[in-house]
């Protein structure tokens, strides 16, 4: 299972790709960027699903902390 630290790194990478989107989307070839975004999202979705499954298996809610929602107060 992906560590939460690795998950956090992938989320940061996804944000970097999002920052590039405006510049790259204006150019003639953007397929590579969309494939990178798709790959990161698929890996993150799989990892999140594994964490959910593990929490449900242990019959407890996911832990709060670094993986809180973006709108949550720090």
Protein backbone atom coordinates (compact mmCIF):
# COMPACT_ATOMS: atom_id res chain seq x y z
CA UNK A 1 0.00 0.00 0.00
CA UNK A 2 1.22 3.49 -0.84
CA UNK A 3 2.43 5.44 2.19
CA UNK A 4 0.64 8.67 3.04
CA UNK A 5 3.94 10.47 2.40
CA UNK A 6 4.07 9.06 -1.13
CA UNK A 7 0.42 9.94 -1.62
CA UNK A 8 1.19 13.50 -0.55
CA UNK A 9 4.11 13.67 -3.03
CA UNK A 10 1.84 12.50 -5.84
CA UNK A 11 -0.76 15.12 -4.93
CA UNK A 12 1.93 17.80 -5.08
CA UNK A 13 3.02 16.46 -8.49
CA UNK A 14 -0.59 16.65 -9.62
CA UNK A 15 -0.74 20.29 -8.53
CA UNK A 16 2.44 21.01 -10.53
CA UNK A 17 0.84 19.41 -13.59
CA UNK A 18 -2.25 21.57 -13.00
CA UNK A 19 -0.07 24.69 -13.01
CA UNK A 20 1.40 23.64 -16.37
CA UNK A 21 -2.02 23.06 -17.87
CA UNK A 22 -2.68 26.68 -18.82
CA UNK A 23 0.60 27.02 -20.67
CA UNK A 24 0.64 23.60 -22.29
CA UNK A 25 -3.04 23.59 -23.29
CA UNK A 26 -2.41 26.69 -25.41
CA UNK A 27 0.21 24.76 -27.41
CA UNK A 28 -0.20 22.30 -30.25
CA UNK A 29 0.60 19.04 -28.39
CA UNK A 30 -1.00 18.42 -24.99
CA UNK A 31 -1.56 14.66 -24.97
CA UNK A 32 1.48 13.98 -22.78
CA UNK A 33 0.19 16.28 -20.04
CA UNK A 34 -3.27 14.74 -20.02
CA UNK A 35 -1.71 11.26 -19.83
CA UNK A 36 0.44 12.33 -16.88
CA UNK A 37 -2.63 13.73 -15.10
CA UNK A 38 -4.59 10.57 -15.85
CA UNK A 39 -1.79 8.36 -14.51
CA UNK A 40 -1.41 10.34 -11.28
CA UNK A 41 -5.18 10.41 -10.71
CA UNK A 42 -5.48 6.65 -11.29
CA UNK A 43 -2.65 5.89 -8.85
CA UNK A 44 -4.10 8.23 -6.24
CA UNK A 45 -7.60 6.79 -6.63
CA UNK A 46 -6.26 3.26 -6.16
CA UNK A 47 -4.28 4.28 -3.07
CA UNK A 48 -7.24 6.14 -1.57
CA UNK A 49 -9.43 3.10 -2.17
CA UNK A 50 -6.90 0.89 -0.38
CA UNK A 51 -6.89 3.23 2.62
CA UNK A 52 -10.70 3.26 2.70
CA UNK A 53 -10.79 -0.54 2.52
CA UNK A 54 -8.27 -0.82 5.34
CA UNK A 55 -10.19 1.63 7.53
CA UNK A 56 -13.45 -0.19 6.87
CA UNK A 57 -11.77 -3.51 7.60
CA UNK A 58 -10.63 -2.12 10.94
CA UNK A 59 -14.10 -0.57 11.41
CA UNK A 60 -12.86 2.93 12.05
CA UNK A 61 -13.04 6.22 10.14
CA UNK A 62 -9.97 7.42 8.19
CA UNK A 63 -7.50 9.32 10.37
CA UNK A 64 -7.53 13.11 10.28
CA UNK A 65 -4.30 14.97 9.71
CA UNK A 66 -2.38 15.59 6.51
CA UNK A 67 -5.10 13.98 4.38
CA UNK A 68 -7.93 16.34 5.48
CA UNK A 69 -10.06 17.95 2.80
CA UNK A 70 -8.88 21.16 1.16
CA UNK A 71 -11.69 23.16 2.76
CA UNK A 72 -10.95 21.93 6.31
CA UNK A 73 -9.33 24.29 8.78
CA UNK A 74 -5.74 23.49 9.65
